Amino acid sequence: MARAVERPDGAHPGERYFPALDGIRAVAACMVFVDHYGELPYWGHGVNIFFVLSGFLITGILFDTREAVGRWRSFYVRRALRIFPPYYAFWLLMLMLTPLLQIEWNRVNLMYVWYAGNHIWGLFGGAPEDHLEWVHLLMRTRAGETVALYTGHFWTLCVEEQFYLVWPLVMFAVMDRKRLVKICAWGAGVLFAARVAVTLLAPGHMNLWTHMMPLRGDEFLLGGLAALIMRGEHAKRLLRPAWGIFWGGLAAIAASIYVCCWVLQDGSLGQAQWAFTANVAAFDAAGLGAILLAMRERTWLARGLSWRPLRALGRMSYGFYIYHDIPHCWYIRWAGMLGDRFPALDGDVTQKALVAVGGFACTLAITMASYRWVERPFLRMKNRWGVEKRAAA
């Protein structure tokens, strides 16, 4: 007899829990970590998987509670209890430490506080060479050096929050599943076409479509489309080609990388933005395939993603993502100090390995502490403060 899997704190009451989805979160978070610490291209597309998964889960929750009394209050209270505590705990801590650490604030930092920081390139035209000054908190050491606290990755949190604000308005206004399926299908297609158009018409402004809503909305709608189909008569038809969608997405990823690295000889995809757009879509497809396979719990992929350490990291992946890159500069300084003291650790490869290993260990420790003392108390409130009642028949 299969052993029951413990549901995470704050899981929506009545919602079926698929352990492999936590594993997908963990994989996506680790991909972003590898991108930032390993400087490997393409791994940052773990955020695409987050977007598709968010669309899938949030759309499912909204549809399942569409006729409940207090559905608005329930959704927004539960979301606030999930996402606000660690995010605003960081900003509050930075505010308190500003006099001590001589932290310099600017208008972009304030936009991030209000979940609007992903629009800075479109609103202010920030140049790449100004990246540090624009999107990170800067602090001064006793020696007068300027050290950045990386907050640039918060743009993805802004994108998700903007989705959370708008999508319930559509879901609760329409209600009908078939109409919502059409909205998701047409919306995903139109937004993807718009992103391609921006890529072609404004090739020098890649951040306009990589960071801004609604041009990233097709990924959420793709996940939402799958969630709505799964709640209809064609659910099994969608699950059957899950392996094909997954392997097809991986093949498309490999093809786009091949085109950029060997045909166009541009491994960063910076000059071939149309290929970068195709690469994003390929990761979306692979992520959707993995989500569908997670529904088929007997597949080897679902069993692998349900591995207990992956599930544990997946439950804490939100905090892991928030904290992972903030002290990056300090990890580099720490590795440099070790290299100065021990010449054998002074090589370029060794230094990068020290930063990555030390960064992962510290991020995991910070994440576990945050989950236990900051996030978990609020997660336990979700089913007390954010529970809707079913409308009478």
Protein backbone atom coordinates (compact mmCIF):
# COMPACT_ATOMS: atom_id res chain seq x y z
CA MET A 1 0.00 0.00 0.00
CA ALA A 2 1.36 3.41 -1.01
CA ARG A 3 2.32 5.68 1.85
CA ALA A 4 0.28 8.87 2.09
CA VAL A 5 2.20 12.02 1.26
CA GLU A 6 1.95 14.88 3.73
CA ARG A 7 0.19 17.93 2.32
CA PRO A 8 2.12 21.20 2.52
CA ASP A 9 1.14 23.89 5.01
CA GLY A 10 -1.61 26.11 3.66
CA ALA A 11 -2.62 23.80 0.80
CA HIS A 12 -6.07 24.69 -0.47
CA PRO A 13 -8.73 22.57 1.31
CA GLY A 14 -10.29 20.00 -0.96
CA GLU A 15 -7.65 20.40 -3.65
CA ARG A 16 -5.81 17.27 -4.71
CA TYR A 17 -2.11 17.42 -3.98
CA PHE A 18 0.38 16.17 -6.57
CA PRO A 19 3.83 15.81 -4.93
CA ALA A 20 5.64 15.97 -8.28
CA LEU A 21 4.57 19.59 -8.73
CA ASP A 22 6.72 20.53 -5.74
CA GLY A 23 9.57 18.73 -7.49
CA ILE A 24 9.01 20.87 -10.59
CA ARG A 25 9.25 23.99 -8.44
CA ALA A 26 12.55 22.75 -7.01
CA VAL A 27 13.98 22.03 -10.46
CA ALA A 28 12.94 25.46 -11.74
CA ALA A 29 14.51 27.20 -8.72
CA CYS A 30 17.77 25.25 -9.15
CA MET A 31 17.85 26.14 -12.85
CA VAL A 32 17.74 29.84 -12.00
CA PHE A 33 20.44 29.35 -9.36
CA VAL A 34 22.69 27.64 -11.92
CA ASP A 35 22.07 30.49 -14.35
CA HIS A 36 23.14 33.12 -11.81
CA TYR A 37 26.04 31.24 -10.23
CA GLY A 38 27.22 29.00 -13.05
CA GLU A 39 26.88 31.65 -15.76
CA LEU A 40 25.41 29.01 -18.04
CA PRO A 41 23.05 30.25 -20.77
CA TYR A 42 19.42 29.11 -20.99
CA TRP A 43 19.16 27.84 -17.40
CA GLY A 44 17.48 31.08 -16.39
CA HIS A 45 14.42 29.85 -18.28
CA GLY A 46 13.47 28.08 -15.09
CA VAL A 47 11.33 31.21 -14.57
CA ASN A 48 9.28 30.15 -17.63
CA ILE A 49 8.40 26.92 -15.85
CA PHE A 50 7.34 28.93 -12.79
CA PHE A 51 5.06 31.07 -14.97
CA VAL A 52 3.38 28.10 -16.67
CA LEU A 53 2.98 26.29 -13.34
CA SER A 54 1.51 29.39 -11.69
CA GLY A 55 -1.01 29.74 -14.51
CA PHE A 56 -1.94 26.09 -14.15
CA LEU A 57 -2.39 26.13 -10.37
CA ILE A 58 -4.00 29.55 -9.95
CA THR A 59 -6.46 29.00 -12.79
CA GLY A 60 -7.45 25.66 -11.29
CA ILE A 61 -8.02 27.20 -7.85
CA LEU A 62 -10.03 30.10 -9.28
CA PHE A 63 -12.21 27.81 -11.40
CA ASP A 64 -12.87 25.37 -8.57
CA THR A 65 -13.98 28.21 -6.24
CA ARG A 66 -15.85 30.31 -8.82
CA GLU A 67 -19.25 29.73 -7.17
CA ALA A 68 -18.10 29.98 -3.55
CA VAL A 69 -19.22 32.74 -1.24
CA GLY A 70 -16.27 34.98 -0.38
CA ARG A 71 -14.19 33.76 -3.31
CA TRP A 72 -12.54 37.18 -3.82
CA ARG A 73 -11.57 37.54 -0.19
CA SER A 74 -10.38 33.95 0.01
CA PHE A 75 -8.14 34.18 -3.05
CA TYR A 76 -6.46 37.46 -2.23
CA VAL A 77 -6.04 36.71 1.48
CA ARG A 78 -4.45 33.34 0.71
CA ARG A 79 -2.16 34.88 -1.92
CA ALA A 80 -1.13 37.69 0.42
CA LEU A 81 -0.35 35.25 3.23
CA ARG A 82 1.80 33.24 0.82
CA ILE A 83 3.80 35.88 -1.01
CA PHE A 84 3.96 38.99 1.17
CA PRO A 85 5.72 37.80 4.38
CA PRO A 86 9.20 36.92 3.03
CA TYR A 87 9.12 39.61 0.34
CA TYR A 88 8.23 42.50 2.63
CA ALA A 89 10.32 41.09 5.48
CA PHE A 90 13.34 41.62 3.22
CA TRP A 91 12.38 45.20 2.32
CA LEU A 92 11.59 46.04 5.93
CA LEU A 93 14.95 44.64 7.04
CA MET A 94 16.73 46.72 4.40
CA LEU A 95 14.89 49.84 5.54
CA MET A 96 15.88 49.23 9.15
CA LEU A 97 19.53 48.62 8.18
CA THR A 98 19.77 51.63 5.86
CA PRO A 99 21.51 53.96 8.37
CA LEU A 100 23.93 51.23 9.50
CA LEU A 101 24.86 49.90 6.05
CA GLN A 102 24.50 53.25 4.21
CA ILE A 103 22.10 51.73 1.73
CA GLU A 104 21.28 53.94 -1.25
CA TRP A 105 17.66 53.84 -2.46
CA ASN A 106 16.31 55.03 -5.79
CA ARG A 107 12.98 55.16 -7.59
CA VAL A 108 13.51 51.72 -9.13
CA ASN A 109 13.89 50.12 -5.69
CA LEU A 110 10.60 51.72 -4.68
CA MET A 111 8.95 50.33 -7.82
CA TYR A 112 10.08 46.85 -6.82
CA VAL A 113 8.55 47.36 -3.38
CA TRP A 114 5.18 47.92 -5.13
CA TYR A 115 5.64 45.02 -7.57
CA ALA A 116 6.16 47.30 -10.57
CA GLY A 117 9.92 46.98 -11.00
CA ASN A 118 9.65 44.81 -14.11
CA HIS A 119 8.52 47.87 -16.10
CA ILE A 120 11.58 50.03 -15.42
CA TRP A 121 13.15 49.49 -18.85
CA GLY A 122 9.98 50.49 -20.63
CA LEU A 123 9.27 53.49 -18.39
CA PHE A 124 12.77 54.89 -17.85
CA GLY A 125 14.81 53.40 -20.70
CA GLY A 126 17.51 52.09 -18.39
CA ALA A 127 20.68 51.21 -20.29
CA PRO A 128 22.55 47.91 -19.76
CA GLU A 129 25.60 49.74 -18.39
CA ASP A 130 23.39 51.27 -15.69
CA HIS A 131 22.04 47.88 -14.68
CA LEU A 132 23.61 47.76 -11.21
CA GLU A 133 22.57 51.28 -10.29
CA TRP A 134 19.07 50.78 -11.62
CA VAL A 135 17.87 47.47 -10.27
CA HIS A 136 19.92 46.69 -7.15
CA LEU A 137 20.29 48.10 -3.67
CA LEU A 138 23.72 49.66 -3.19
CA MET A 139 25.48 49.77 0.15
CA ARG A 140 28.85 51.19 1.22
CA THR A 141 31.44 49.31 3.25
CA ARG A 142 33.66 50.88 5.89
CA ALA A 143 36.41 51.07 3.29
CA GLY A 144 34.15 53.20 1.10
CA GLU A 145 33.51 50.49 -1.49
CA THR A 146 30.11 50.15 -3.12
CA VAL A 147 28.61 46.65 -2.87
CA ALA A 148 25.39 45.61 -4.56
CA LEU A 149 22.62 43.62 -2.95
CA TYR A 150 21.11 41.91 -5.98
CA THR A 151 17.37 42.42 -6.34
CA GLY A 152 17.12 42.35 -10.13
CA HIS A 153 15.57 38.88 -10.10
CA PHE A 154 12.53 40.33 -8.31
CA TRP A 155 11.14 41.27 -11.74
CA THR A 156 9.61 37.79 -11.97
CA LEU A 157 7.77 38.33 -8.68
CA CYS A 158 6.36 41.55 -10.13
CA VAL A 159 5.15 39.69 -13.23
CA GLU A 160 3.43 37.04 -11.13
CA GLU A 161 1.79 39.57 -8.83
CA GLN A 162 0.39 41.46 -11.82
CA PHE A 163 -1.09 38.20 -13.08
CA TYR A 164 -2.66 37.54 -9.66
CA LEU A 165 -4.26 40.98 -9.69
CA VAL A 166 -5.85 40.73 -13.14
CA TRP A 167 -6.67 37.08 -13.83
CA PRO A 168 -9.28 36.58 -11.04
CA LEU A 169 -11.25 39.49 -12.55
CA VAL A 170 -11.53 37.54 -15.80
CA MET A 171 -12.17 34.15 -14.22
CA PHE A 172 -14.95 35.30 -11.90
CA ALA A 173 -16.56 37.51 -14.54
CA VAL A 174 -16.78 34.79 -17.20
CA MET A 175 -17.30 31.65 -15.05
CA ASP A 176 -18.12 29.35 -18.01
CA ARG A 177 -15.32 26.83 -18.59
CA LYS A 178 -15.62 26.61 -22.39
CA ARG A 179 -15.53 30.38 -22.77
CA LEU A 180 -12.52 30.54 -20.48
CA VAL A 181 -10.78 27.88 -22.58
CA LYS A 182 -11.27 30.08 -25.66
CA ILE A 183 -9.98 33.15 -23.80
CA CYS A 184 -6.85 31.27 -22.72
CA ALA A 185 -6.21 29.80 -26.18
CA TRP A 186 -6.75 33.05 -28.09
CA GLY A 187 -5.03 35.14 -25.42
CA ALA A 188 -1.93 32.95 -25.39
CA GLY A 189 -1.74 33.05 -29.19
CA VAL A 190 -2.22 36.82 -29.44
CA LEU A 191 0.29 37.61 -26.69
CA PHE A 192 2.89 35.28 -28.19
CA ALA A 193 2.40 36.94 -31.58
CA ALA A 194 2.74 40.35 -29.92
CA ARG A 195 5.99 39.27 -28.31
CA VAL A 196 7.34 38.09 -31.66
CA ALA A 197 6.27 41.41 -33.23
CA VAL A 198 8.07 43.42 -30.53
CA THR A 199 11.14 41.25 -31.06
CA LEU A 200 11.15 42.04 -34.79
CA LEU A 201 10.12 45.70 -34.60
CA ALA A 202 12.26 46.70 -31.61
CA PRO A 203 15.30 44.39 -31.74
CA GLY A 204 17.38 46.68 -29.56
CA HIS A 205 14.92 46.60 -26.66
CA MET A 206 14.84 42.98 -25.59
CA ASN A 207 13.83 43.80 -22.01
CA LEU A 208 10.52 45.15 -23.30
CA TRP A 209 9.28 41.62 -23.94
CA THR A 210 11.42 39.58 -21.57
CA HIS A 211 10.41 41.48 -18.42
CA MET A 212 7.11 43.22 -19.05
CA MET A 213 3.48 42.29 -18.81
CA PRO A 214 1.33 41.53 -20.69
CA LEU A 215 3.99 40.22 -23.11
CA ARG A 216 4.81 37.36 -20.71
CA GLY A 217 1.15 36.60 -20.13
CA ASP A 218 0.96 33.82 -22.71
CA GLU A 219 2.90 31.51 -20.39
CA PHE A 220 0.36 31.92 -17.60
CA LEU A 221 -2.50 31.46 -20.08
CA LEU A 222 -0.86 28.30 -21.44
CA GLY A 223 -0.87 26.80 -17.95
CA GLY A 224 -4.41 28.08 -17.39
CA LEU A 225 -5.57 26.47 -20.63
CA ALA A 226 -4.24 23.09 -19.48
CA ALA A 227 -5.91 23.49 -16.06
CA LEU A 228 -9.30 24.22 -17.66
CA ILE A 229 -9.05 21.32 -20.12
CA MET A 230 -8.14 19.03 -17.22
CA ARG A 231 -11.45 19.97 -15.61
CA GLY A 232 -13.51 18.97 -18.66
CA GLU A 233 -14.42 15.93 -20.70
CA HIS A 234 -11.17 16.01 -22.68
CA ALA A 235 -8.80 15.65 -19.70
CA LYS A 236 -7.56 12.21 -20.75
CA ARG A 237 -6.96 13.42 -24.30
CA LEU A 238 -4.64 16.10 -22.93
CA LEU A 239 -2.74 13.67 -20.71
CA ARG A 240 -2.11 11.15 -23.51
CA PRO A 241 0.36 13.32 -25.49
CA ALA A 242 2.15 14.53 -22.33
CA TRP A 243 5.34 12.65 -23.21
CA GLY A 244 5.23 14.04 -26.74
CA ILE A 245 4.83 17.62 -25.45
CA PHE A 246 7.68 17.11 -22.98
CA TRP A 247 10.14 15.53 -25.42
CA GLY A 248 9.06 17.89 -28.19
CA GLY A 249 9.81 20.86 -25.93
CA LEU A 250 13.26 19.46 -25.08
CA ALA A 251 13.96 18.84 -28.79
CA ALA A 252 12.94 22.43 -29.60
CA ILE A 253 15.23 23.71 -26.84
CA ALA A 254 18.14 21.72 -28.29
CA ALA A 255 17.36 22.94 -31.82
CA SER A 256 17.23 26.62 -30.80
CA ILE A 257 20.49 26.30 -28.87
CA TYR A 258 22.11 24.60 -31.86
CA VAL A 259 20.97 27.37 -34.22
CA CYS A 260 22.28 30.10 -31.94
CA CYS A 261 25.56 28.51 -30.86
CA TRP A 262 26.70 26.80 -34.03
CA VAL A 263 24.75 28.23 -36.96
CA LEU A 264 24.58 31.88 -35.86
CA GLN A 265 27.59 31.55 -33.55
CA ASP A 266 25.91 33.62 -30.85
CA GLY A 267 25.68 31.53 -27.70
CA SER A 268 24.10 34.31 -25.66
CA LEU A 269 21.19 34.70 -28.09
CA GLY A 270 21.67 38.44 -27.65
CA GLN A 271 21.85 39.21 -31.36
CA ALA A 272 19.31 36.59 -32.43
CA GLN A 273 16.29 37.63 -30.44
CA TRP A 274 13.85 35.76 -32.64
CA ALA A 275 15.73 32.56 -31.72
CA PHE A 276 15.60 33.58 -28.07
CA THR A 277 11.83 33.95 -28.38
CA ALA A 278 11.62 30.45 -29.85
CA ASN A 279 13.80 29.18 -27.01
CA VAL A 280 11.39 30.67 -24.43
CA ALA A 281 8.43 28.98 -26.15
CA ALA A 282 10.31 25.66 -26.17
CA PHE A 283 10.90 25.85 -22.41
CA ASP A 284 7.21 26.66 -21.96
CA ALA A 285 6.29 23.50 -23.85
CA ALA A 286 8.73 21.32 -21.90
CA GLY A 287 7.43 22.79 -18.62
CA LEU A 288 3.83 22.10 -19.62
CA GLY A 289 4.74 18.53 -20.55
CA ALA A 290 6.39 18.03 -17.15
CA ILE A 291 3.29 19.39 -15.38
CA LEU A 292 1.01 17.02 -17.29
CA LEU A 293 3.31 14.09 -16.53
CA ALA A 294 3.17 15.05 -12.86
CA MET A 295 -0.57 14.35 -13.09
CA ARG A 296 0.27 10.83 -14.24
CA GLU A 297 1.81 9.78 -10.96
CA ARG A 298 2.99 6.36 -12.15
CA THR A 299 5.43 7.75 -14.72
CA TRP A 300 9.13 7.63 -13.88
CA LEU A 301 9.34 11.41 -14.21
CA ALA A 302 6.55 11.96 -11.65
CA ARG A 303 8.19 9.49 -9.26
CA GLY A 304 11.56 11.20 -9.66
CA LEU A 305 10.07 14.65 -9.09
CA SER A 306 8.34 13.29 -5.97
CA TRP A 307 11.70 12.49 -4.35
CA ARG A 308 11.47 13.78 -0.77
CA PRO A 309 14.45 16.24 -0.89
CA LEU A 310 13.07 17.75 -4.10
CA ARG A 311 9.61 18.07 -2.59
CA ALA A 312 11.08 19.75 0.50
CA LEU A 313 13.01 22.26 -1.60
CA GLY A 314 9.96 22.80 -3.80
CA ARG A 315 7.83 23.78 -0.81
CA MET A 316 10.44 26.39 0.10
CA SER A 317 11.23 27.39 -3.49
CA TYR A 318 9.59 30.81 -3.21
CA GLY A 319 11.90 31.86 -0.39
CA PHE A 320 14.85 30.13 -2.08
CA TYR A 321 14.23 32.22 -5.20
CA ILE A 322 13.94 35.48 -3.24
CA TYR A 323 17.13 35.01 -1.21
CA HIS A 324 19.42 33.15 -3.60
CA ASP A 325 21.01 36.09 -5.43
CA ILE A 326 20.79 38.94 -2.91
CA PRO A 327 24.20 38.36 -1.19
CA HIS A 328 25.95 37.21 -4.40
CA CYS A 329 28.62 39.93 -4.13
CA TRP A 330 29.38 38.94 -0.57
CA TYR A 331 29.92 35.32 -1.60
CA ILE A 332 32.38 36.54 -4.24
CA ARG A 333 34.22 38.60 -1.63
CA TRP A 334 34.31 35.62 0.75
CA ALA A 335 35.75 33.34 -1.94
CA GLY A 336 38.33 36.00 -2.79
CA MET A 337 39.42 36.20 0.85
CA LEU A 338 39.86 32.42 0.93
CA GLY A 339 41.87 32.60 -2.27
CA ASP A 340 44.16 35.25 -0.78
CA ARG A 341 44.75 33.10 2.27
CA PHE A 342 45.06 29.75 0.47
CA PRO A 343 46.74 30.12 -2.96
CA ALA A 344 45.46 26.68 -4.04
CA LEU A 345 41.92 28.16 -4.01
CA ASP A 346 42.82 31.20 -6.09
CA GLY A 347 42.11 29.75 -9.54
CA ASP A 348 39.24 31.09 -11.63
CA VAL A 349 37.37 27.78 -11.77
CA THR A 350 37.95 27.13 -8.07
CA GLN A 351 36.72 30.58 -7.15
CA LYS A 352 33.51 30.12 -9.14
CA ALA A 353 32.98 26.72 -7.53
CA LEU A 354 33.47 28.19 -4.06
CA VAL A 355 30.96 30.95 -4.79
CA ALA A 356 28.41 28.47 -6.14
CA VAL A 357 28.76 25.91 -3.35
CA GLY A 358 28.92 28.53 -0.61
CA GLY A 359 26.02 30.43 -2.16
CA PHE A 360 23.85 27.33 -2.36
CA ALA A 361 24.61 26.29 1.23
CA CYS A 362 23.94 29.78 2.60
CA THR A 363 20.79 30.19 0.49
CA LEU A 364 19.46 26.87 1.75
CA ALA A 365 20.17 27.83 5.37
CA ILE A 366 18.51 31.25 4.98
CA THR A 367 15.56 29.67 3.17
CA MET A 368 14.98 27.06 5.87
CA ALA A 369 15.12 29.70 8.60
CA SER A 370 12.74 31.94 6.66
CA TYR A 371 10.31 29.11 5.99
CA ARG A 372 10.22 28.10 9.63
CA TRP A 373 10.01 31.51 11.31
CA VAL A 374 8.63 33.86 8.64
CA GLU A 375 6.60 31.91 6.09
CA ARG A 376 5.17 28.90 7.89
CA PRO A 377 3.25 30.81 10.59
CA PHE A 378 1.46 32.75 7.84
CA LEU A 379 0.89 29.65 5.71
CA ARG A 380 -0.95 28.06 8.61
CA MET A 381 -3.28 31.07 8.65
CA LYS A 382 -4.38 30.49 5.05
CA ASN A 383 -7.03 27.94 5.93
CA ARG A 384 -8.22 30.00 8.88
CA TRP A 385 -8.47 33.45 7.31
CA GLY A 386 -8.84 32.60 3.65
CA VAL A 387 -11.46 29.86 3.45
CA GLU A 388 -14.49 30.43 1.23
CA LYS A 389 -17.95 28.93 1.79
CA ARG A 390 -19.84 27.10 -0.90
CA ALA A 391 -22.93 28.81 -2.21
CA ALA A 392 -26.21 27.06 -1.45
CA ALA A 393 -27.60 24.99 -4.28
